[in-house]
Amino acid sequence: MEEIKHEHILVNGLKLHVAQIGSSSSPPVVFLHGFPEIWYSWRHQMIAVAKAGFRAVAFDYRGYGLSEPPPEPEKASFLDLLADLLALLDALVPYGYLPKVEVPALLIMGEKDYAFKYPGMGDYIKSGMVKTFVPELEIVYLPEGSHFIQEQSPEEVNYLIVNFLKCHV
């Protein structure tokens, strides 16, 4: 994992911790994690994606891991995450490239993910309603996986991600 480079990038007034691997001229793949995870949960996938010829990027959300917290954490929202992601892409991605409004996306979930227990979450994802917002979303369910699927089955997740990327880039 010594190949993964770490830096702090100023994004929307905060220093965010960013981990990345792969050539800066390669197509970027951004890994987003759930809470309370940090970039580290994607380490296996980042290395596999970089070896497949892509640039893997993961960051610690504001206030998590090694990223600075916002001045008023209680007022942070999902919109802050989106704003940080777009600003980070602007800072990292050379002109000529992932960001489009509609792009192919991959969601890998374990069938035993506790997120399905949140009211409406299972129906929202399994019914396909989520594709209203992500029309080109491909969903793969791993029967024995739970919420930390990339930690439980890193090789299988690596295989799914790399094949998805090769088909869509």
N, C-alpha and C. Protein backbone atom coordinates (compact mmCIF):
# COMPACT_ATOMS: atom_id res chain seq x y z
N MET A 1 0.81 -1.19 0.00
CA MET A 1 0.00 0.00 0.00
C MET A 1 0.86 1.26 0.00
N GLU A 2 2.15 1.06 0.01
CA GLU A 2 3.03 2.23 -0.03
C GLU A 2 2.91 2.98 -1.34
N GLU A 3 2.27 2.36 -2.37
CA GLU A 3 2.09 3.04 -3.65
C GLU A 3 1.02 4.12 -3.57
N ILE A 4 0.14 4.04 -2.59
CA ILE A 4 -0.94 5.03 -2.45
C ILE A 4 -0.34 6.32 -1.89
N LYS A 5 -0.58 7.40 -2.60
CA LYS A 5 -0.07 8.72 -2.21
C LYS A 5 -1.14 9.47 -1.42
N HIS A 6 -0.69 10.23 -0.45
CA HIS A 6 -1.60 10.99 0.41
C HIS A 6 -1.25 12.47 0.35
N GLU A 7 -2.29 13.29 0.32
CA GLU A 7 -2.08 14.73 0.35
C GLU A 7 -3.33 15.39 0.91
N HIS A 8 -3.19 16.65 1.28
CA HIS A 8 -4.33 17.45 1.68
C HIS A 8 -4.58 18.47 0.59
N ILE A 9 -5.83 18.56 0.15
CA ILE A 9 -6.21 19.49 -0.91
C ILE A 9 -7.27 20.44 -0.35
N LEU A 10 -7.06 21.72 -0.59
CA LEU A 10 -8.01 22.73 -0.12
C LEU A 10 -9.27 22.68 -0.99
N VAL A 11 -10.39 22.37 -0.36
CA VAL A 11 -11.67 22.23 -1.05
C VAL A 11 -12.73 22.97 -0.23
N ASN A 12 -13.35 23.95 -0.84
CA ASN A 12 -14.41 24.72 -0.18
C ASN A 12 -13.99 25.23 1.20
N GLY A 13 -12.74 25.68 1.30
CA GLY A 13 -12.24 26.26 2.53
C GLY A 13 -11.74 25.27 3.56
N LEU A 14 -11.77 23.97 3.26
CA LEU A 14 -11.30 22.95 4.19
C LEU A 14 -10.20 22.11 3.54
N LYS A 15 -9.26 21.64 4.35
CA LYS A 15 -8.23 20.73 3.85
C LYS A 15 -8.76 19.31 3.95
N LEU A 16 -8.99 18.69 2.78
CA LEU A 16 -9.47 17.31 2.76
C LEU A 16 -8.31 16.36 2.50
N HIS A 17 -8.29 15.27 3.25
CA HIS A 17 -7.27 14.24 3.05
C HIS A 17 -7.67 13.40 1.84
N VAL A 18 -6.75 13.30 0.87
CA VAL A 18 -7.01 12.57 -0.36
C VAL A 18 -5.96 11.49 -0.54
N ALA A 19 -6.41 10.28 -0.82
CA ALA A 19 -5.52 9.17 -1.14
C ALA A 19 -5.74 8.84 -2.61
N GLN A 20 -4.63 8.61 -3.33
CA GLN A 20 -4.77 8.27 -4.74
C GLN A 20 -3.60 7.42 -5.21
N ILE A 21 -3.88 6.67 -6.26
CA ILE A 21 -2.88 5.80 -6.85
C ILE A 21 -3.18 5.70 -8.35
N GLY A 22 -2.12 5.64 -9.14
CA GLY A 22 -2.28 5.58 -10.59
C GLY A 22 -1.79 6.86 -11.22
N SER A 23 -1.66 6.84 -12.52
CA SER A 23 -1.15 7.99 -13.25
C SER A 23 -2.18 9.12 -13.29
N SER A 24 -1.70 10.36 -13.11
CA SER A 24 -2.61 11.50 -13.15
C SER A 24 -3.20 11.72 -14.54
N SER A 25 -2.63 11.08 -15.55
CA SER A 25 -3.17 11.20 -16.91
C SER A 25 -4.17 10.10 -17.23
N SER A 26 -4.37 9.16 -16.31
CA SER A 26 -5.33 8.06 -16.51
C SER A 26 -6.74 8.50 -16.12
N PRO A 27 -7.76 7.84 -16.68
CA PRO A 27 -9.14 8.17 -16.29
C PRO A 27 -9.34 7.96 -14.79
N PRO A 28 -9.93 8.95 -14.11
CA PRO A 28 -10.11 8.83 -12.66
C PRO A 28 -11.32 7.98 -12.28
N VAL A 29 -11.18 7.27 -11.18
CA VAL A 29 -12.27 6.52 -10.57
C VAL A 29 -12.32 6.98 -9.12
N VAL A 30 -13.44 7.57 -8.71
CA VAL A 30 -13.57 8.09 -7.35
C VAL A 30 -14.38 7.10 -6.52
N PHE A 31 -13.83 6.72 -5.38
CA PHE A 31 -14.50 5.82 -4.46
C PHE A 31 -15.10 6.64 -3.32
N LEU A 32 -16.40 6.48 -3.11
CA LEU A 32 -17.09 7.15 -2.01
C LEU A 32 -17.50 6.09 -1.00
N HIS A 33 -17.38 6.42 0.24
CA HIS A 33 -17.65 5.44 1.30
C HIS A 33 -18.81 5.87 2.16
N GLY A 34 -19.28 4.94 2.94
CA GLY A 34 -20.33 5.24 3.90
C GLY A 34 -19.73 5.65 5.23
N PHE A 35 -20.56 5.96 6.17
CA PHE A 35 -20.07 6.38 7.48
C PHE A 35 -20.04 5.18 8.40
N PRO A 36 -19.08 5.05 9.24
CA PRO A 36 -18.01 5.98 9.58
C PRO A 36 -16.70 5.65 8.86
N GLU A 37 -16.77 5.09 7.71
CA GLU A 37 -15.58 4.69 6.96
C GLU A 37 -14.74 5.88 6.52
N ILE A 38 -13.51 5.58 6.11
CA ILE A 38 -12.61 6.57 5.52
C ILE A 38 -12.03 5.95 4.25
N TRP A 39 -11.13 6.64 3.57
CA TRP A 39 -10.53 6.16 2.32
C TRP A 39 -10.01 4.73 2.43
N TYR A 40 -9.52 4.38 3.60
CA TYR A 40 -8.83 3.11 3.83
C TYR A 40 -9.69 1.89 3.50
N SER A 41 -10.99 2.01 3.62
CA SER A 41 -11.85 0.86 3.34
C SER A 41 -11.81 0.46 1.87
N TRP A 42 -11.31 1.34 1.00
CA TRP A 42 -11.23 1.06 -0.44
C TRP A 42 -9.82 0.67 -0.89
N ARG A 43 -8.88 0.47 0.03
CA ARG A 43 -7.48 0.25 -0.34
C ARG A 43 -7.29 -0.91 -1.32
N HIS A 44 -7.98 -2.01 -1.13
CA HIS A 44 -7.83 -3.17 -2.03
C HIS A 44 -8.31 -2.82 -3.43
N GLN A 45 -9.45 -2.14 -3.51
CA GLN A 45 -10.02 -1.78 -4.80
C GLN A 45 -9.18 -0.71 -5.50
N MET A 46 -8.64 0.22 -4.74
CA MET A 46 -7.81 1.28 -5.34
C MET A 46 -6.59 0.68 -6.04
N ILE A 47 -5.95 -0.26 -5.39
CA ILE A 47 -4.76 -0.89 -5.97
C ILE A 47 -5.14 -1.68 -7.22
N ALA A 48 -6.23 -2.44 -7.17
CA ALA A 48 -6.67 -3.23 -8.33
C ALA A 48 -7.03 -2.33 -9.51
N VAL A 49 -7.73 -1.23 -9.24
CA VAL A 49 -8.15 -0.31 -10.30
C VAL A 49 -6.92 0.36 -10.93
N ALA A 50 -5.96 0.75 -10.10
CA ALA A 50 -4.73 1.37 -10.62
C ALA A 50 -3.94 0.38 -11.48
N LYS A 51 -3.87 -0.86 -11.05
CA LYS A 51 -3.16 -1.88 -11.83
C LYS A 51 -3.85 -2.15 -13.17
N ALA A 52 -5.15 -1.85 -13.23
CA ALA A 52 -5.90 -2.04 -14.47
C ALA A 52 -5.79 -0.81 -15.38
N GLY A 53 -5.00 0.20 -14.97
CA GLY A 53 -4.75 1.35 -15.83
C GLY A 53 -5.55 2.60 -15.53
N PHE A 54 -6.22 2.64 -14.38
CA PHE A 54 -7.02 3.80 -14.01
C PHE A 54 -6.34 4.56 -12.87
N ARG A 55 -6.84 5.73 -12.57
CA ARG A 55 -6.39 6.52 -11.42
C ARG A 55 -7.45 6.41 -10.34
N ALA A 56 -7.10 5.82 -9.21
CA ALA A 56 -8.04 5.62 -8.11
C ALA A 56 -7.89 6.74 -7.09
N VAL A 57 -9.02 7.33 -6.70
CA VAL A 57 -9.04 8.44 -5.75
C VAL A 57 -10.10 8.16 -4.69
N ALA A 58 -9.73 8.36 -3.43
CA ALA A 58 -10.69 8.28 -2.32
C ALA A 58 -10.31 9.36 -1.32
N PHE A 59 -11.30 9.96 -0.70
CA PHE A 59 -11.00 11.00 0.27
C PHE A 59 -11.81 10.82 1.54
N ASP A 60 -11.28 11.39 2.61
CA ASP A 60 -12.01 11.40 3.87
C ASP A 60 -12.96 12.58 3.84
N TYR A 61 -14.25 12.34 4.08
CA TYR A 61 -15.22 13.42 4.09
C TYR A 61 -14.85 14.45 5.15
N ARG A 62 -15.32 15.65 4.97
CA ARG A 62 -15.06 16.72 5.94
C ARG A 62 -15.42 16.26 7.34
N GLY A 63 -14.46 16.43 8.24
CA GLY A 63 -14.67 16.05 9.63
C GLY A 63 -14.38 14.59 9.94
N TYR A 64 -13.99 13.81 8.95
CA TYR A 64 -13.70 12.39 9.17
C TYR A 64 -12.23 12.12 8.85
N GLY A 65 -11.68 11.10 9.48
CA GLY A 65 -10.31 10.71 9.21
C GLY A 65 -9.36 11.89 9.39
N LEU A 66 -8.58 12.16 8.37
CA LEU A 66 -7.58 13.22 8.43
C LEU A 66 -8.04 14.52 7.76
N SER A 67 -9.31 14.60 7.39
CA SER A 67 -9.84 15.84 6.80
C SER A 67 -10.31 16.78 7.89
N GLU A 68 -10.19 18.08 7.60
CA GLU A 68 -10.62 19.08 8.57
C GLU A 68 -12.14 19.07 8.73
N PRO A 69 -12.61 19.36 9.93
CA PRO A 69 -14.06 19.47 10.13
C PRO A 69 -14.54 20.85 9.68
N PRO A 70 -15.81 20.96 9.30
CA PRO A 70 -16.35 22.28 8.97
C PRO A 70 -16.49 23.10 10.25
N PRO A 71 -16.57 24.43 10.12
CA PRO A 71 -16.68 25.27 11.31
C PRO A 71 -17.92 24.97 12.15
N GLU A 72 -19.01 24.57 11.49
CA GLU A 72 -20.24 24.22 12.21
C GLU A 72 -20.69 22.83 11.77
N PRO A 73 -20.08 21.77 12.34
CA PRO A 73 -20.38 20.41 11.90
C PRO A 73 -21.87 20.04 11.97
N GLU A 74 -22.57 20.62 12.91
CA GLU A 74 -23.99 20.29 13.06
C GLU A 74 -24.83 20.78 11.89
N LYS A 75 -24.28 21.68 11.09
CA LYS A 75 -25.00 22.20 9.93
C LYS A 75 -24.57 21.53 8.62
N ALA A 76 -23.66 20.57 8.70
CA ALA A 76 -23.20 19.88 7.50
C ALA A 76 -24.33 19.03 6.93
N SER A 77 -24.35 18.89 5.58
CA SER A 77 -25.41 18.13 4.94
C SER A 77 -24.84 17.33 3.76
N PHE A 78 -25.71 16.55 3.17
CA PHE A 78 -25.33 15.77 2.00
C PHE A 78 -24.91 16.69 0.86
N LEU A 79 -25.50 17.88 0.78
CA LEU A 79 -25.13 18.83 -0.27
C LEU A 79 -23.68 19.28 -0.13
N ASP A 80 -23.16 19.31 1.11
CA ASP A 80 -21.75 19.64 1.31
C ASP A 80 -20.86 18.56 0.71
N LEU A 81 -21.26 17.30 0.87
CA LEU A 81 -20.50 16.20 0.27
C LEU A 81 -20.46 16.35 -1.25
N LEU A 82 -21.58 16.66 -1.85
CA LEU A 82 -21.61 16.84 -3.30
C LEU A 82 -20.75 18.01 -3.74
N ALA A 83 -20.84 19.12 -3.03
CA ALA A 83 -20.03 20.30 -3.36
C ALA A 83 -18.54 19.98 -3.21
N ASP A 84 -18.19 19.26 -2.14
CA ASP A 84 -16.78 18.88 -1.95
C ASP A 84 -16.30 17.96 -3.05
N LEU A 85 -17.13 17.00 -3.43
CA LEU A 85 -16.76 16.07 -4.49
C LEU A 85 -16.52 16.80 -5.81
N LEU A 86 -17.42 17.69 -6.18
CA LEU A 86 -17.25 18.43 -7.44
C LEU A 86 -16.02 19.32 -7.40
N ALA A 87 -15.77 19.98 -6.28
CA ALA A 87 -14.59 20.84 -6.15
C ALA A 87 -13.32 20.00 -6.18
N LEU A 88 -13.35 18.84 -5.55
CA LEU A 88 -12.19 17.95 -5.57
C LEU A 88 -11.90 17.47 -6.98
N LEU A 89 -12.95 17.11 -7.72
CA LEU A 89 -12.75 16.69 -9.11
C LEU A 89 -12.16 17.82 -9.94
N ASP A 90 -12.63 19.04 -9.71
CA ASP A 90 -12.06 20.19 -10.41
C ASP A 90 -10.57 20.33 -10.12
N ALA A 91 -10.17 20.06 -8.87
CA ALA A 91 -8.77 20.19 -8.47
C ALA A 91 -7.90 19.06 -9.00
N LEU A 92 -8.47 17.87 -9.15
CA LEU A 92 -7.68 16.69 -9.49
C LEU A 92 -7.71 16.26 -10.95
N VAL A 93 -8.82 16.47 -11.61
CA VAL A 93 -9.03 15.90 -12.93
C VAL A 93 -8.53 16.84 -14.01
N PRO A 94 -7.63 16.36 -14.86
CA PRO A 94 -7.16 17.22 -15.94
C PRO A 94 -8.28 17.46 -16.95
N TYR A 95 -8.21 18.59 -17.63
CA TYR A 95 -9.22 18.86 -18.65
C TYR A 95 -9.18 17.74 -19.68
N GLY A 96 -10.33 17.39 -20.19
CA GLY A 96 -10.42 16.30 -21.15
C GLY A 96 -11.16 15.11 -20.58
N TYR A 97 -11.29 15.03 -19.22
CA TYR A 97 -12.08 13.99 -18.59
C TYR A 97 -13.28 14.65 -17.97
N LEU A 98 -14.87 12.63 -15.70
CA LEU A 98 -15.87 11.84 -15.15
C LEU A 98 -16.79 12.58 -14.27
N PRO A 99 -16.21 15.27 -15.63
CA PRO A 99 -17.43 14.95 -14.90
C PRO A 99 -18.67 15.21 -15.74
N LYS A 100 -19.54 14.24 -15.82
CA LYS A 100 -20.79 14.35 -16.55
C LYS A 100 -21.94 14.21 -15.58
N VAL A 101 -23.08 14.66 -15.98
CA VAL A 101 -24.26 14.55 -15.13
C VAL A 101 -24.73 13.10 -15.12
N GLU A 102 -24.71 12.46 -16.27
CA GLU A 102 -25.16 11.06 -16.36
C GLU A 102 -24.01 10.21 -16.88
N VAL A 103 -23.54 9.31 -16.04
CA VAL A 103 -22.45 8.40 -16.39
C VAL A 103 -22.80 7.00 -15.90
N PRO A 104 -22.22 5.99 -16.49
CA PRO A 104 -22.42 4.65 -15.95
C PRO A 104 -21.92 4.59 -14.50
N ALA A 105 -22.67 3.93 -13.65
CA ALA A 105 -22.31 3.81 -12.24
C ALA A 105 -22.55 2.37 -11.79
N LEU A 106 -21.78 1.96 -10.80
CA LEU A 106 -21.89 0.60 -10.27
C LEU A 106 -22.14 0.66 -8.78
N LEU A 107 -23.14 -0.08 -8.31
CA LEU A 107 -23.44 -0.21 -6.89
C LEU A 107 -23.32 -1.69 -6.55
N ILE A 108 -22.41 -2.00 -5.64
CA ILE A 108 -22.22 -3.38 -5.19
C ILE A 108 -22.70 -3.44 -3.75
N MET A 109 -23.67 -4.28 -3.50
CA MET A 109 -24.25 -4.39 -2.16
C MET A 109 -24.33 -5.83 -1.73
N GLY A 110 -24.18 -6.04 -0.44
CA GLY A 110 -24.41 -7.36 0.13
C GLY A 110 -25.89 -7.54 0.41
N GLU A 111 -26.40 -8.72 0.15
CA GLU A 111 -27.82 -9.01 0.42
C GLU A 111 -28.15 -8.85 1.90
N LYS A 112 -27.13 -8.97 2.76
CA LYS A 112 -27.36 -8.87 4.20
C LYS A 112 -26.97 -7.49 4.74
N ASP A 113 -26.88 -6.51 3.87
CA ASP A 113 -26.52 -5.14 4.27
C ASP A 113 -27.59 -4.58 5.19
N TYR A 114 -27.16 -4.07 6.33
CA TYR A 114 -28.14 -3.52 7.28
C TYR A 114 -28.79 -2.24 6.76
N ALA A 115 -28.25 -1.65 5.71
CA ALA A 115 -28.88 -0.46 5.12
C ALA A 115 -30.28 -0.78 4.60
N PHE A 116 -30.53 -2.05 4.24
CA PHE A 116 -31.85 -2.45 3.77
C PHE A 116 -32.90 -2.37 4.89
N LYS A 117 -32.45 -2.29 6.14
CA LYS A 117 -33.39 -2.23 7.26
C LYS A 117 -33.92 -0.82 7.49
N TYR A 118 -33.27 0.18 6.91
CA TYR A 118 -33.78 1.55 7.05
C TYR A 118 -35.09 1.64 6.27
N PRO A 119 -36.10 2.27 6.85
CA PRO A 119 -37.41 2.34 6.21
C PRO A 119 -37.33 2.87 4.78
N GLY A 120 -37.83 2.07 3.86
CA GLY A 120 -37.90 2.47 2.46
C GLY A 120 -36.64 2.22 1.64
N MET A 121 -35.50 1.97 2.29
CA MET A 121 -34.24 1.83 1.57
C MET A 121 -34.25 0.61 0.64
N GLY A 122 -34.69 -0.53 1.15
CA GLY A 122 -34.72 -1.74 0.33
C GLY A 122 -35.60 -1.57 -0.90
N ASP A 123 -36.79 -1.02 -0.70
CA ASP A 123 -37.71 -0.80 -1.82
C ASP A 123 -37.13 0.20 -2.81
N TYR A 124 -36.51 1.26 -2.31
CA TYR A 124 -35.94 2.30 -3.16
C TYR A 124 -34.89 1.73 -4.10
N ILE A 125 -34.04 0.86 -3.56
CA ILE A 125 -32.96 0.31 -4.39
C ILE A 125 -33.47 -0.86 -5.23
N LYS A 126 -34.11 -1.83 -4.60
CA LYS A 126 -34.51 -3.05 -5.32
C LYS A 126 -35.61 -2.82 -6.34
N SER A 127 -36.45 -1.82 -6.16
CA SER A 127 -37.51 -1.55 -7.14
C SER A 127 -36.98 -0.82 -8.37
N GLY A 128 -35.78 -0.27 -8.25
CA GLY A 128 -35.21 0.48 -9.37
C GLY A 128 -35.50 1.97 -9.30
N MET A 129 -36.19 2.42 -8.26
CA MET A 129 -36.47 3.86 -8.13
C MET A 129 -35.18 4.68 -8.08
N VAL A 130 -34.11 4.09 -7.56
CA VAL A 130 -32.83 4.79 -7.49
C VAL A 130 -32.34 5.20 -8.89
N LYS A 131 -32.77 4.46 -9.90
CA LYS A 131 -32.35 4.77 -11.27
C LYS A 131 -33.00 6.05 -11.81
N THR A 132 -33.96 6.59 -11.08
CA THR A 132 -34.51 7.89 -11.44
C THR A 132 -33.41 8.95 -11.37
N PHE A 133 -32.52 8.80 -10.42
CA PHE A 133 -31.44 9.75 -10.20
C PHE A 133 -30.12 9.30 -10.81
N VAL A 134 -29.97 8.01 -11.02
CA VAL A 134 -28.75 7.45 -11.62
C VAL A 134 -29.20 6.47 -12.70
N PRO A 135 -29.59 6.99 -13.88
CA PRO A 135 -30.19 6.15 -14.90
C PRO A 135 -29.31 5.01 -15.40
N GLU A 136 -28.01 5.21 -15.41
CA GLU A 136 -27.12 4.17 -15.92
C GLU A 136 -26.49 3.35 -14.79
N LEU A 137 -27.25 3.15 -13.71
CA LEU A 137 -26.76 2.41 -12.55
C LEU A 137 -26.90 0.91 -12.76
N GLU A 138 -25.80 0.22 -12.54
CA GLU A 138 -25.81 -1.24 -12.54
C GLU A 138 -25.66 -1.68 -11.09
N ILE A 139 -26.56 -2.55 -10.62
CA ILE A 139 -26.53 -3.00 -9.24
C ILE A 139 -26.20 -4.48 -9.19
N VAL A 140 -25.22 -4.82 -8.36
CA VAL A 140 -24.83 -6.21 -8.16
C VAL A 140 -24.99 -6.53 -6.68
N TYR A 141 -25.71 -7.60 -6.37
CA TYR A 141 -25.91 -8.04 -5.00
C TYR A 141 -25.08 -9.29 -4.75
N LEU A 142 -24.29 -9.26 -3.68
CA LEU A 142 -23.52 -10.44 -3.28
C LEU A 142 -24.26 -11.11 -2.13
N PRO A 143 -24.68 -12.37 -2.32
CA PRO A 143 -25.57 -13.05 -1.37
C PRO A 143 -25.09 -13.07 0.08
N GLU A 144 -23.82 -13.27 0.32
CA GLU A 144 -23.34 -13.40 1.69
C GLU A 144 -22.76 -12.10 2.25
N GLY A 145 -22.79 -11.04 1.49
CA GLY A 145 -22.17 -9.79 1.93
C GLY A 145 -23.07 -8.97 2.83
N SER A 146 -22.41 -8.15 3.64
CA SER A 146 -23.15 -7.20 4.46
C SER A 146 -22.70 -5.79 4.09
N HIS A 147 -22.72 -4.86 5.01
CA HIS A 147 -22.46 -3.46 4.69
C HIS A 147 -21.02 -3.19 4.25
N PHE A 148 -20.08 -3.97 4.71
CA PHE A 148 -18.67 -3.74 4.40
C PHE A 148 -18.19 -4.72 3.34
N ILE A 149 -18.89 -4.77 2.24
CA ILE A 149 -18.66 -5.76 1.19
C ILE A 149 -17.24 -5.68 0.62
N GLN A 150 -16.70 -4.47 0.48
CA GLN A 150 -15.36 -4.35 -0.09
C GLN A 150 -14.29 -4.89 0.86
N GLU A 151 -14.59 -4.94 2.15
CA GLU A 151 -13.68 -5.53 3.13
C GLU A 151 -13.88 -7.04 3.22
N GLN A 152 -15.12 -7.49 3.09
CA GLN A 152 -15.43 -8.91 3.23
C GLN A 152 -15.00 -9.73 2.03
N SER A 153 -15.19 -9.17 0.85
CA SER A 153 -14.91 -9.91 -0.39
C SER A 153 -14.10 -9.04 -1.35
N PRO A 154 -12.87 -8.66 -0.96
CA PRO A 154 -12.13 -7.72 -1.80
C PRO A 154 -11.85 -8.24 -3.21
N GLU A 155 -11.54 -9.51 -3.37
CA GLU A 155 -11.24 -10.02 -4.70
C GLU A 155 -12.45 -9.99 -5.62
N GLU A 156 -13.60 -10.37 -5.08
CA GLU A 156 -14.82 -10.36 -5.88
C GLU A 156 -15.23 -8.93 -6.25
N VAL A 157 -15.11 -8.02 -5.30
CA VAL A 157 -15.43 -6.62 -5.56
C VAL A 157 -14.44 -6.04 -6.58
N ASN A 158 -13.15 -6.35 -6.43
CA ASN A 158 -12.14 -5.91 -7.40
C ASN A 158 -12.52 -6.36 -8.81
N TYR A 159 -12.87 -7.62 -8.94
CA TYR A 159 -13.24 -8.20 -10.24
C TYR A 159 -14.43 -7.45 -10.84
N LEU A 160 -15.46 -7.21 -10.03
CA LEU A 160 -16.64 -6.51 -10.52
C LEU A 160 -16.32 -5.09 -10.96
N ILE A 161 -15.53 -4.38 -10.17
CA ILE A 161 -15.18 -3.00 -10.50
C ILE A 161 -14.35 -2.92 -11.77
N VAL A 162 -13.30 -3.72 -11.84
CA VAL A 162 -12.40 -3.66 -13.01
C VAL A 162 -13.16 -4.04 -14.29
N ASN A 163 -13.99 -5.06 -14.23
CA ASN A 163 -14.77 -5.44 -15.43
C ASN A 163 -15.77 -4.35 -15.81
N PHE A 164 -16.39 -3.74 -14.83
CA PHE A 164 -17.31 -2.63 -15.09
C PHE A 164 -16.57 -1.50 -15.79
N LEU A 165 -15.42 -1.14 -15.28
CA LEU A 165 -14.64 -0.05 -15.86
C LEU A 165 -14.20 -0.37 -17.29
N LYS A 166 -13.76 -1.59 -17.52
CA LYS A 166 -13.31 -1.97 -18.86
C LYS A 166 -14.47 -1.92 -19.87
N CYS A 167 -15.67 -2.16 -19.41
CA CYS A 167 -16.83 -2.12 -20.30
C CYS A 167 -17.35 -0.71 -20.55
N HIS A 168 -17.01 0.24 -19.67
CA HIS A 168 -17.62 1.56 -19.76
C HIS A 168 -16.65 2.73 -20.00
N VAL A 169 -15.39 2.45 -20.11
CA VAL A 169 -14.44 3.56 -20.33
C VAL A 169 -13.84 3.43 -21.71
